[in-house]
Amino acid sequence: MIFSLQGTVQELTPTYAVINVQGVGYYVGISLMTSQTLVLNQQTFLFIQQIIREDAHLLFGFNTRSEKEMFNLLISVNGVGAVSALILLSTLSLDEIASAILSRNSALIQKAKGIGAKTAERIIVDLKDKVQKYSDPNANISVMADNKIKEESLSALEVLGIPKRTSEKIADKIIKQNPNISVEELVKQILKNI
């Protein structure tokens, strides 16, 4: 099993690199995050995940051990292949992926091309207990605070007879523009926008 490669970047694109290790060129699938750290004709070190299938031996390279670990967590989810995992790692940072999973933000995960609602939900359910260490605790506190303010506001509006579905999208938009909004202010803003 190949664990890592150290060599010269012989070819470089946003989705793959060829790493020349003592005259042998290894074709390695990479994320945009890793691609941005590599320089053509320069020495590099990549953590490697080797996937052996009946029809192919595939190598995927990562600039950090954390990115490799997240890749392995993602491909452990039923329905998430190596390419989908790389696309997700190219679309969102490790912290954004972890925060989206912990806050059950399926919409953010679906921003990655090829990941639909069912797959995003499966990622959240399967990985919610495994991604804590990848999230920035400070960012997470604000996400949780946002959710608490949003939930309280939506509950208050439900008491007033306004369906949660109607007010939720408006709430998300307002919180995005003003993350430090109070419950009272959020309720007022939603009522103005309905």
N, C-alpha and C. Protein backbone atom coordinates (compact mmCIF):
# COMPACT_ATOMS: atom_id res chain seq x y z
N MET A 1 0.85 -1.20 0.00
CA MET A 1 0.00 0.00 0.00
C MET A 1 0.88 1.24 0.00
N ILE A 2 0.63 2.16 -0.92
CA ILE A 2 1.40 3.40 -0.99
C ILE A 2 0.80 4.39 0.01
N PHE A 3 1.63 4.86 0.96
CA PHE A 3 1.17 5.79 1.99
C PHE A 3 1.47 7.24 1.62
N SER A 4 2.62 7.47 0.97
CA SER A 4 2.99 8.84 0.59
C SER A 4 3.93 8.80 -0.60
N LEU A 5 4.04 9.95 -1.27
CA LEU A 5 4.97 10.09 -2.39
C LEU A 5 5.76 11.38 -2.20
N GLN A 6 7.06 11.29 -2.49
CA GLN A 6 7.88 12.49 -2.49
C GLN A 6 8.63 12.53 -3.81
N GLY A 7 8.45 13.62 -4.54
CA GLY A 7 9.10 13.71 -5.84
C GLY A 7 8.83 15.06 -6.48
N THR A 8 9.05 15.10 -7.79
CA THR A 8 8.89 16.35 -8.55
C THR A 8 7.54 16.36 -9.25
N VAL A 9 6.89 17.53 -9.24
CA VAL A 9 5.61 17.67 -9.94
C VAL A 9 5.91 17.78 -11.43
N GLN A 10 5.61 16.69 -12.15
CA GLN A 10 5.91 16.60 -13.58
C GLN A 10 4.79 17.22 -14.43
N GLU A 11 3.54 16.98 -14.01
CA GLU A 11 2.37 17.58 -14.67
C GLU A 11 1.43 18.05 -13.59
N LEU A 12 0.69 19.14 -13.87
CA LEU A 12 -0.22 19.67 -12.86
C LEU A 12 -1.47 20.25 -13.51
N THR A 13 -2.61 19.77 -13.06
CA THR A 13 -3.90 20.34 -13.47
C THR A 13 -4.70 20.53 -12.18
N PRO A 14 -5.88 21.17 -12.25
CA PRO A 14 -6.67 21.33 -11.02
C PRO A 14 -7.17 19.99 -10.44
N THR A 15 -7.22 18.93 -11.26
CA THR A 15 -7.79 17.67 -10.77
C THR A 15 -6.80 16.51 -10.64
N TYR A 16 -5.64 16.65 -11.25
CA TYR A 16 -4.64 15.58 -11.08
C TYR A 16 -3.24 16.14 -11.24
N ALA A 17 -2.28 15.37 -10.71
CA ALA A 17 -0.87 15.71 -10.89
C ALA A 17 -0.12 14.44 -11.22
N VAL A 18 1.00 14.57 -11.91
CA VAL A 18 1.89 13.43 -12.10
C VAL A 18 3.13 13.75 -11.27
N ILE A 19 3.40 12.87 -10.30
CA ILE A 19 4.55 13.05 -9.42
C ILE A 19 5.65 12.09 -9.87
N ASN A 20 6.81 12.66 -10.25
CA ASN A 20 7.93 11.86 -10.72
C ASN A 20 8.80 11.50 -9.51
N VAL A 21 8.79 10.19 -9.18
CA VAL A 21 9.60 9.70 -8.07
C VAL A 21 10.71 8.83 -8.66
N GLN A 22 11.92 9.37 -8.72
CA GLN A 22 13.09 8.66 -9.25
C GLN A 22 12.82 8.01 -10.61
N GLY A 23 12.24 8.81 -11.51
CA GLY A 23 12.02 8.34 -12.88
C GLY A 23 10.70 7.65 -13.13
N VAL A 24 9.91 7.39 -12.07
CA VAL A 24 8.59 6.77 -12.25
C VAL A 24 7.53 7.84 -12.01
N GLY A 25 6.65 8.04 -13.01
CA GLY A 25 5.59 9.04 -12.89
C GLY A 25 4.32 8.42 -12.33
N TYR A 26 3.85 8.95 -11.20
CA TYR A 26 2.61 8.47 -10.57
C TYR A 26 1.49 9.45 -10.87
N TYR A 27 0.40 8.95 -11.46
CA TYR A 27 -0.78 9.77 -11.75
C TYR A 27 -1.61 9.81 -10.46
N VAL A 28 -1.83 11.01 -9.94
CA VAL A 28 -2.49 11.15 -8.64
C VAL A 28 -3.68 12.11 -8.76
N GLY A 29 -4.86 11.63 -8.41
CA GLY A 29 -6.03 12.51 -8.36
C GLY A 29 -5.90 13.44 -7.17
N ILE A 30 -6.21 14.72 -7.36
CA ILE A 30 -6.08 15.69 -6.27
C ILE A 30 -7.28 16.62 -6.22
N SER A 31 -7.46 17.27 -5.08
CA SER A 31 -8.51 18.29 -4.95
C SER A 31 -7.92 19.64 -5.35
N LEU A 32 -8.79 20.61 -5.54
CA LEU A 32 -8.36 21.97 -5.86
C LEU A 32 -7.49 22.53 -4.73
N MET A 33 -7.86 22.17 -3.48
CA MET A 33 -7.11 22.64 -2.31
C MET A 33 -5.64 22.18 -2.41
N THR A 34 -5.43 20.92 -2.76
CA THR A 34 -4.07 20.39 -2.88
C THR A 34 -3.39 20.95 -4.13
N SER A 35 -4.14 21.05 -5.22
CA SER A 35 -3.60 21.57 -6.49
C SER A 35 -2.97 22.94 -6.30
N GLN A 36 -3.61 23.78 -5.47
CA GLN A 36 -3.13 25.15 -5.26
C GLN A 36 -1.81 25.20 -4.48
N THR A 37 -1.44 24.09 -3.82
CA THR A 37 -0.20 24.09 -3.04
C THR A 37 0.97 23.53 -3.85
N LEU A 38 0.69 22.95 -5.03
CA LEU A 38 1.74 22.33 -5.83
C LEU A 38 2.29 23.31 -6.87
N VAL A 39 3.57 23.15 -7.19
CA VAL A 39 4.20 24.00 -8.21
C VAL A 39 4.90 23.08 -9.22
N LEU A 40 4.62 23.32 -10.50
CA LEU A 40 5.21 22.52 -11.58
C LEU A 40 6.74 22.52 -11.48
N ASN A 41 7.33 21.34 -11.67
CA ASN A 41 8.79 21.13 -11.63
C ASN A 41 9.43 21.37 -10.26
N GLN A 42 8.61 21.44 -9.22
CA GLN A 42 9.13 21.61 -7.86
C GLN A 42 8.95 20.31 -7.07
N GLN A 43 9.77 20.14 -6.05
CA GLN A 43 9.64 18.98 -5.16
C GLN A 43 8.35 19.10 -4.35
N THR A 44 7.73 17.96 -4.04
CA THR A 44 6.53 17.96 -3.21
C THR A 44 6.47 16.68 -2.40
N PHE A 45 5.63 16.72 -1.39
CA PHE A 45 5.33 15.53 -0.58
C PHE A 45 3.82 15.45 -0.46
N LEU A 46 3.24 14.31 -0.83
CA LEU A 46 1.80 14.13 -0.73
C LEU A 46 1.47 12.88 0.08
N PHE A 47 0.44 12.99 0.93
CA PHE A 47 -0.13 11.80 1.56
C PHE A 47 -0.99 11.13 0.50
N ILE A 48 -0.90 9.82 0.40
CA ILE A 48 -1.58 9.09 -0.68
C ILE A 48 -2.63 8.13 -0.12
N GLN A 49 -3.77 8.09 -0.80
CA GLN A 49 -4.76 7.05 -0.53
C GLN A 49 -4.84 6.21 -1.80
N GLN A 50 -4.53 4.94 -1.66
CA GLN A 50 -4.57 4.03 -2.80
C GLN A 50 -5.89 3.26 -2.76
N ILE A 51 -6.58 3.24 -3.88
CA ILE A 51 -7.83 2.48 -3.99
C ILE A 51 -7.65 1.47 -5.09
N ILE A 52 -7.81 0.19 -4.72
CA ILE A 52 -7.62 -0.88 -5.70
C ILE A 52 -8.99 -1.45 -6.06
N ARG A 53 -9.30 -1.35 -7.35
CA ARG A 53 -10.56 -1.92 -7.85
C ARG A 53 -10.20 -3.03 -8.83
N GLU A 54 -11.20 -3.76 -9.25
CA GLU A 54 -10.99 -4.85 -10.21
C GLU A 54 -10.33 -4.36 -11.49
N ASP A 55 -10.77 -3.17 -11.94
CA ASP A 55 -10.30 -2.65 -13.23
C ASP A 55 -9.25 -1.55 -13.13
N ALA A 56 -8.87 -1.15 -11.90
CA ALA A 56 -7.92 -0.04 -11.80
C ALA A 56 -7.26 0.04 -10.42
N HIS A 57 -6.04 0.56 -10.40
CA HIS A 57 -5.36 0.91 -9.16
C HIS A 57 -5.26 2.43 -9.17
N LEU A 58 -5.98 3.09 -8.25
CA LEU A 58 -6.07 4.55 -8.27
C LEU A 58 -5.31 5.15 -7.10
N LEU A 59 -4.67 6.30 -7.35
CA LEU A 59 -3.96 7.03 -6.30
C LEU A 59 -4.59 8.41 -6.14
N PHE A 60 -4.81 8.80 -4.90
CA PHE A 60 -5.33 10.14 -4.61
C PHE A 60 -4.37 10.79 -3.63
N GLY A 61 -3.99 12.04 -3.93
CA GLY A 61 -2.98 12.72 -3.13
C GLY A 61 -3.52 13.92 -2.36
N PHE A 62 -2.93 14.13 -1.17
CA PHE A 62 -3.41 15.20 -0.29
C PHE A 62 -2.23 15.93 0.33
N ASN A 63 -2.36 17.23 0.40
CA ASN A 63 -1.32 18.07 0.96
C ASN A 63 -1.20 17.88 2.47
N THR A 64 -2.34 17.60 3.14
CA THR A 64 -2.32 17.42 4.60
C THR A 64 -2.94 16.08 4.98
N ARG A 65 -2.55 15.60 6.14
CA ARG A 65 -3.11 14.35 6.66
C ARG A 65 -4.61 14.52 6.94
N SER A 66 -5.00 15.73 7.38
CA SER A 66 -6.42 15.99 7.69
C SER A 66 -7.29 15.86 6.45
N GLU A 67 -6.78 16.36 5.31
CA GLU A 67 -7.56 16.27 4.07
C GLU A 67 -7.71 14.80 3.66
N LYS A 68 -6.65 14.02 3.83
CA LYS A 68 -6.72 12.59 3.51
C LYS A 68 -7.74 11.89 4.42
N GLU A 69 -7.73 12.24 5.71
CA GLU A 69 -8.67 11.62 6.65
C GLU A 69 -10.11 11.97 6.28
N MET A 70 -10.35 13.24 5.91
CA MET A 70 -11.71 13.64 5.53
C MET A 70 -12.14 12.91 4.26
N PHE A 71 -11.24 12.76 3.31
CA PHE A 71 -11.51 12.02 2.07
C PHE A 71 -11.97 10.60 2.42
N ASN A 72 -11.23 9.95 3.32
CA ASN A 72 -11.57 8.58 3.71
C ASN A 72 -12.91 8.50 4.43
N LEU A 73 -13.21 9.50 5.24
CA LEU A 73 -14.52 9.53 5.90
C LEU A 73 -15.63 9.66 4.86
N LEU A 74 -15.41 10.56 3.90
CA LEU A 74 -16.44 10.79 2.87
C LEU A 74 -16.68 9.54 2.02
N ILE A 75 -15.60 8.85 1.61
CA ILE A 75 -15.81 7.68 0.74
C ILE A 75 -16.34 6.48 1.54
N SER A 76 -16.33 6.59 2.88
CA SER A 76 -16.92 5.51 3.69
C SER A 76 -18.45 5.58 3.68
N VAL A 77 -18.99 6.72 3.22
CA VAL A 77 -20.44 6.90 3.15
C VAL A 77 -20.95 6.22 1.88
N ASN A 78 -21.98 5.42 2.03
CA ASN A 78 -22.57 4.70 0.90
C ASN A 78 -23.07 5.71 -0.14
N GLY A 79 -22.62 5.57 -1.38
CA GLY A 79 -23.05 6.48 -2.45
C GLY A 79 -22.07 7.61 -2.73
N VAL A 80 -21.01 7.71 -1.91
CA VAL A 80 -20.00 8.75 -2.17
C VAL A 80 -18.74 8.08 -2.69
N GLY A 81 -18.44 8.33 -3.95
CA GLY A 81 -17.24 7.76 -4.55
C GLY A 81 -16.06 8.70 -4.39
N ALA A 82 -14.91 8.26 -4.86
CA ALA A 82 -13.68 9.05 -4.74
C ALA A 82 -13.80 10.38 -5.47
N VAL A 83 -14.40 10.37 -6.66
CA VAL A 83 -14.53 11.60 -7.44
C VAL A 83 -15.45 12.59 -6.73
N SER A 84 -16.58 12.11 -6.20
CA SER A 84 -17.50 13.00 -5.46
C SER A 84 -16.81 13.58 -4.24
N ALA A 85 -16.02 12.75 -3.54
CA ALA A 85 -15.30 13.23 -2.35
C ALA A 85 -14.31 14.33 -2.73
N LEU A 86 -13.59 14.14 -3.85
CA LEU A 86 -12.63 15.15 -4.31
C LEU A 86 -13.35 16.45 -4.70
N ILE A 87 -14.50 16.32 -5.34
CA ILE A 87 -15.27 17.51 -5.73
C ILE A 87 -15.71 18.27 -4.48
N LEU A 88 -16.17 17.53 -3.46
CA LEU A 88 -16.59 18.17 -2.21
C LEU A 88 -15.41 18.87 -1.55
N LEU A 89 -14.25 18.21 -1.54
CA LEU A 89 -13.04 18.82 -0.96
C LEU A 89 -12.54 20.00 -1.79
N SER A 90 -12.90 20.04 -3.06
CA SER A 90 -12.52 21.17 -3.93
C SER A 90 -13.49 22.34 -3.77
N THR A 91 -14.72 22.03 -3.35
CA THR A 91 -15.77 23.05 -3.25
C THR A 91 -15.75 23.75 -1.89
N LEU A 92 -15.55 22.95 -0.82
CA LEU A 92 -15.60 23.49 0.55
C LEU A 92 -14.31 23.17 1.29
N SER A 93 -13.96 24.00 2.26
CA SER A 93 -12.78 23.71 3.09
C SER A 93 -13.15 22.61 4.09
N LEU A 94 -12.15 22.02 4.74
CA LEU A 94 -12.42 20.97 5.74
C LEU A 94 -13.33 21.50 6.83
N ASP A 95 -13.07 22.73 7.28
CA ASP A 95 -13.88 23.34 8.32
C ASP A 95 -15.32 23.53 7.86
N GLU A 96 -15.50 23.97 6.61
CA GLU A 96 -16.86 24.17 6.08
C GLU A 96 -17.61 22.85 5.98
N ILE A 97 -16.92 21.79 5.55
CA ILE A 97 -17.56 20.47 5.45
C ILE A 97 -17.98 20.01 6.85
N ALA A 98 -17.05 20.10 7.80
CA ALA A 98 -17.35 19.66 9.17
C ALA A 98 -18.49 20.48 9.78
N SER A 99 -18.44 21.79 9.61
CA SER A 99 -19.49 22.66 10.16
C SER A 99 -20.84 22.36 9.52
N ALA A 100 -20.84 22.11 8.20
CA ALA A 100 -22.10 21.79 7.51
C ALA A 100 -22.69 20.49 8.04
N ILE A 101 -21.83 19.51 8.30
CA ILE A 101 -22.29 18.22 8.84
C ILE A 101 -22.82 18.40 10.25
N LEU A 102 -22.06 19.11 11.10
CA LEU A 102 -22.45 19.28 12.50
C LEU A 102 -23.71 20.13 12.66
N SER A 103 -23.92 21.08 11.74
CA SER A 103 -25.12 21.92 11.84
C SER A 103 -26.26 21.40 10.94
N ARG A 104 -26.05 20.21 10.37
CA ARG A 104 -27.05 19.56 9.50
C ARG A 104 -27.43 20.45 8.31
N ASN A 105 -26.44 21.16 7.75
CA ASN A 105 -26.67 22.08 6.63
C ASN A 105 -26.51 21.32 5.32
N SER A 106 -27.56 20.61 4.96
CA SER A 106 -27.55 19.78 3.76
C SER A 106 -27.35 20.63 2.49
N ALA A 107 -27.92 21.83 2.48
CA ALA A 107 -27.83 22.71 1.30
C ALA A 107 -26.39 23.06 0.97
N LEU A 108 -25.57 23.28 1.99
CA LEU A 108 -24.17 23.64 1.76
C LEU A 108 -23.42 22.46 1.13
N ILE A 109 -23.68 21.26 1.62
CA ILE A 109 -23.01 20.06 1.09
C ILE A 109 -23.43 19.84 -0.37
N GLN A 110 -24.69 20.16 -0.68
CA GLN A 110 -25.19 19.97 -2.04
C GLN A 110 -24.60 20.95 -3.05
N LYS A 111 -23.86 21.96 -2.56
CA LYS A 111 -23.19 22.90 -3.48
C LYS A 111 -22.14 22.18 -4.31
N ALA A 112 -21.65 21.06 -3.80
CA ALA A 112 -20.66 20.28 -4.55
C ALA A 112 -21.38 19.57 -5.69
N LYS A 113 -20.86 19.74 -6.90
CA LYS A 113 -21.48 19.16 -8.10
C LYS A 113 -21.61 17.64 -7.93
N GLY A 114 -22.79 17.12 -8.23
CA GLY A 114 -22.99 15.68 -8.20
C GLY A 114 -23.46 15.13 -6.86
N ILE A 115 -23.58 15.99 -5.85
CA ILE A 115 -24.08 15.52 -4.55
C ILE A 115 -25.49 16.05 -4.37
N GLY A 116 -26.44 15.11 -4.36
CA GLY A 116 -27.85 15.47 -4.23
C GLY A 116 -28.30 15.45 -2.78
N ALA A 117 -29.60 15.70 -2.60
CA ALA A 117 -30.18 15.81 -1.25
C ALA A 117 -30.01 14.52 -0.44
N LYS A 118 -30.29 13.36 -1.07
CA LYS A 118 -30.21 12.09 -0.34
C LYS A 118 -28.77 11.81 0.10
N THR A 119 -27.82 12.03 -0.79
CA THR A 119 -26.42 11.77 -0.46
C THR A 119 -25.95 12.73 0.62
N ALA A 120 -26.34 14.00 0.53
CA ALA A 120 -25.96 14.99 1.55
C ALA A 120 -26.49 14.58 2.91
N GLU A 121 -27.74 14.12 2.96
CA GLU A 121 -28.34 13.66 4.23
C GLU A 121 -27.58 12.45 4.77
N ARG A 122 -27.20 11.54 3.86
CA ARG A 122 -26.46 10.34 4.29
C ARG A 122 -25.10 10.73 4.88
N ILE A 123 -24.44 11.71 4.25
CA ILE A 123 -23.14 12.20 4.75
C ILE A 123 -23.33 12.74 6.17
N ILE A 124 -24.38 13.54 6.37
CA ILE A 124 -24.64 14.14 7.68
C ILE A 124 -24.89 13.05 8.73
N VAL A 125 -25.76 12.10 8.42
CA VAL A 125 -26.10 11.04 9.37
C VAL A 125 -24.88 10.17 9.70
N ASP A 126 -24.14 9.78 8.67
CA ASP A 126 -23.01 8.86 8.88
C ASP A 126 -21.81 9.50 9.56
N LEU A 127 -21.59 10.80 9.32
CA LEU A 127 -20.34 11.43 9.77
C LEU A 127 -20.49 12.42 10.92
N LYS A 128 -21.72 12.65 11.39
CA LYS A 128 -21.89 13.71 12.41
C LYS A 128 -21.07 13.48 13.68
N ASP A 129 -20.78 12.22 14.02
CA ASP A 129 -19.99 11.94 15.23
C ASP A 129 -18.49 11.84 14.94
N LYS A 130 -18.10 12.00 13.67
CA LYS A 130 -16.70 11.74 13.31
C LYS A 130 -15.94 12.97 12.83
N VAL A 131 -16.62 14.11 12.67
CA VAL A 131 -15.95 15.27 12.06
C VAL A 131 -15.66 16.41 13.02
N GLN A 132 -15.96 16.22 14.30
CA GLN A 132 -15.78 17.29 15.29
C GLN A 132 -14.39 17.92 15.23
N LYS A 133 -13.35 17.08 15.09
CA LYS A 133 -11.98 17.61 15.16
C LYS A 133 -11.59 18.47 13.95
N TYR A 134 -12.38 18.42 12.87
CA TYR A 134 -12.05 19.21 11.67
C TYR A 134 -12.70 20.58 11.68
N SER A 135 -13.63 20.80 12.62
CA SER A 135 -14.34 22.08 12.60
C SER A 135 -13.65 23.07 13.52
N ASP A 136 -13.68 24.31 13.12
CA ASP A 136 -13.14 25.40 13.92
C ASP A 136 -14.13 25.65 15.05
N PRO A 137 -13.73 25.44 16.32
CA PRO A 137 -14.70 25.57 17.41
C PRO A 137 -15.36 26.94 17.46
N ASN A 138 -14.60 28.00 17.11
CA ASN A 138 -15.18 29.36 17.14
C ASN A 138 -16.26 29.53 16.08
N ALA A 139 -15.99 28.98 14.87
CA ALA A 139 -16.98 29.08 13.79
C ALA A 139 -18.23 28.30 14.17
N ASN A 140 -18.02 27.16 14.81
CA ASN A 140 -19.13 26.30 15.18
C ASN A 140 -20.04 26.95 16.20
N ILE A 141 -19.44 27.70 17.14
CA ILE A 141 -20.25 28.38 18.16
C ILE A 141 -21.20 29.35 17.47
N SER A 142 -20.69 30.09 16.48
CA SER A 142 -21.55 31.06 15.80
C SER A 142 -22.65 30.34 15.00
N VAL A 143 -22.31 29.19 14.39
CA VAL A 143 -23.34 28.42 13.66
C VAL A 143 -24.43 27.96 14.62
N MET A 144 -23.98 27.46 15.80
CA MET A 144 -24.95 26.97 16.79
C MET A 144 -25.79 28.13 17.33
N ALA A 145 -25.14 29.28 17.56
CA ALA A 145 -25.87 30.46 18.04
C ALA A 145 -26.90 30.88 16.99
N ASP A 146 -26.48 30.92 15.71
CA ASP A 146 -27.40 31.26 14.62
C ASP A 146 -28.61 30.33 14.64
N ASN A 147 -28.34 29.02 14.79
CA ASN A 147 -29.42 28.04 14.78
C ASN A 147 -30.38 28.25 15.94
N LYS A 148 -29.84 28.60 17.13
CA LYS A 148 -30.69 28.81 18.30
C LYS A 148 -31.59 30.02 18.07
N ILE A 149 -31.00 31.10 17.59
CA ILE A 149 -31.78 32.32 17.32
C ILE A 149 -32.83 32.03 16.25
N LYS A 150 -32.42 31.31 15.20
CA LYS A 150 -33.34 30.97 14.12
C LYS A 150 -34.50 30.11 14.64
N GLU A 151 -34.16 29.07 15.43
CA GLU A 151 -35.20 28.16 15.95
C GLU A 151 -36.19 28.91 16.83
N GLU A 152 -35.67 29.77 17.72
CA GLU A 152 -36.56 30.53 18.61
C GLU A 152 -37.48 31.44 17.80
N SER A 153 -36.91 32.07 16.79
CA SER A 153 -37.70 32.98 15.94
C SER A 153 -38.78 32.21 15.18
N LEU A 154 -38.41 31.07 14.60
CA LEU A 154 -39.38 30.28 13.83
C LEU A 154 -40.49 29.75 14.74
N SER A 155 -40.13 29.37 15.97
CA SER A 155 -41.15 28.89 16.93
C SER A 155 -42.12 30.01 17.26
N ALA A 156 -41.57 31.21 17.48
CA ALA A 156 -42.42 32.37 17.79
C ALA A 156 -43.39 32.65 16.64
N LEU A 157 -42.88 32.54 15.41
CA LEU A 157 -43.71 32.80 14.23
C LEU A 157 -44.78 31.72 14.05
N GLU A 158 -44.43 30.47 14.42
CA GLU A 158 -45.41 29.38 14.33
C GLU A 158 -46.59 29.64 15.27
N VAL A 159 -46.27 30.18 16.45
CA VAL A 159 -47.32 30.53 17.42
C VAL A 159 -48.26 31.57 16.80
N LEU A 160 -47.68 32.45 15.97
CA LEU A 160 -48.49 33.48 15.29
C LEU A 160 -49.22 32.92 14.07
N GLY A 161 -49.02 31.63 13.79
CA GLY A 161 -49.73 30.99 12.69
C GLY A 161 -49.00 31.00 11.35
N ILE A 162 -47.71 31.36 11.37
CA ILE A 162 -46.94 31.38 10.13
C ILE A 162 -46.16 30.07 10.01
N PRO A 163 -46.39 29.30 8.93
CA PRO A 163 -45.72 28.00 8.79
C PRO A 163 -44.19 28.14 8.77
N LYS A 164 -43.52 27.18 9.40
CA LYS A 164 -42.06 27.19 9.50
C LYS A 164 -41.41 27.25 8.12
N ARG A 165 -41.98 26.51 7.16
CA ARG A 165 -41.40 26.44 5.82
C ARG A 165 -41.36 27.82 5.16
N THR A 166 -42.41 28.61 5.40
CA THR A 166 -42.49 29.95 4.81
C THR A 166 -41.41 30.86 5.37
N SER A 167 -41.20 30.80 6.68
CA SER A 167 -40.28 31.76 7.32
C SER A 167 -38.82 31.32 7.32
N GLU A 168 -38.56 30.02 7.11
CA GLU A 168 -37.19 29.52 7.24
C GLU A 168 -36.23 30.11 6.21
N LYS A 169 -36.65 30.17 4.94
CA LYS A 169 -35.77 30.71 3.89
C LYS A 169 -35.46 32.18 4.13
N ILE A 170 -36.49 32.91 4.54
CA ILE A 170 -36.30 34.34 4.81
C ILE A 170 -35.33 34.51 5.98
N ALA A 171 -35.50 33.67 7.01
CA ALA A 171 -34.62 33.72 8.20
C ALA A 171 -33.16 33.49 7.79
N ASP A 172 -32.93 32.48 6.96
CA ASP A 172 -31.56 32.16 6.52
C ASP A 172 -30.92 33.36 5.82
N LYS A 173 -31.70 34.01 4.95
CA LYS A 173 -31.19 35.15 4.19
C LYS A 173 -30.82 36.31 5.14
N ILE A 174 -31.70 36.56 6.11
CA ILE A 174 -31.48 37.67 7.05
C ILE A 174 -30.27 37.39 7.95
N ILE A 175 -30.16 36.15 8.45
CA ILE A 175 -29.04 35.79 9.33
C ILE A 175 -27.71 35.89 8.57
N LYS A 176 -27.73 35.54 7.29
CA LYS A 176 -26.51 35.63 6.48
C LYS A 176 -26.04 37.09 6.39
N GLN A 177 -27.00 38.00 6.21
CA GLN A 177 -26.66 39.42 6.09
C GLN A 177 -26.30 40.04 7.44
N ASN A 178 -26.93 39.52 8.53
CA ASN A 178 -26.70 40.10 9.86
C ASN A 178 -26.57 38.97 10.88
N PRO A 179 -25.36 38.36 10.99
CA PRO A 179 -25.17 37.19 11.86
C PRO A 179 -25.42 37.45 13.34
N ASN A 180 -25.32 38.72 13.80
CA ASN A 180 -25.48 39.02 15.23
C ASN A 180 -26.88 39.51 15.58
N ILE A 181 -27.86 39.22 14.73
CA ILE A 181 -29.23 39.69 14.94
C ILE A 181 -29.86 39.03 16.17
N SER A 182 -30.74 39.77 16.85
CA SER A 182 -31.43 39.21 18.03
C SER A 182 -32.70 38.49 17.55
N VAL A 183 -33.27 37.68 18.46
CA VAL A 183 -34.49 36.94 18.12
C VAL A 183 -35.61 37.92 17.75
N GLU A 184 -35.78 38.96 18.59
CA GLU A 184 -36.87 39.93 18.37
C GLU A 184 -36.73 40.61 17.00
N GLU A 185 -35.49 41.04 16.69
CA GLU A 185 -35.24 41.73 15.42
C GLU A 185 -35.49 40.79 14.24
N LEU A 186 -35.05 39.52 14.40
CA LEU A 186 -35.23 38.54 13.32
C LEU A 186 -36.72 38.31 13.05
N VAL A 187 -37.51 38.19 14.12
CA VAL A 187 -38.96 38.01 13.97
C VAL A 187 -39.56 39.20 13.21
N LYS A 188 -39.17 40.41 13.62
CA LYS A 188 -39.68 41.62 12.95
C LYS A 188 -39.33 41.62 11.46
N GLN A 189 -38.05 41.32 11.16
CA GLN A 189 -37.58 41.31 9.77
C GLN A 189 -38.34 40.28 8.94
N ILE A 190 -38.55 39.09 9.50
CA ILE A 190 -39.27 38.04 8.76
C ILE A 190 -40.69 38.49 8.48
N LEU A 191 -41.34 39.06 9.48
CA LEU A 191 -42.72 39.53 9.30
C LEU A 191 -42.81 40.60 8.21
N LYS A 192 -41.79 41.44 8.12
CA LYS A 192 -41.76 42.47 7.06
C LYS A 192 -41.62 41.85 5.68
N ASN A 193 -40.92 40.72 5.60
CA ASN A 193 -40.58 40.11 4.30
C ASN A 193 -41.56 39.04 3.82
N ILE A 194 -42.55 38.71 4.63
CA ILE A 194 -43.49 37.64 4.23
C ILE A 194 -44.51 38.19 3.26
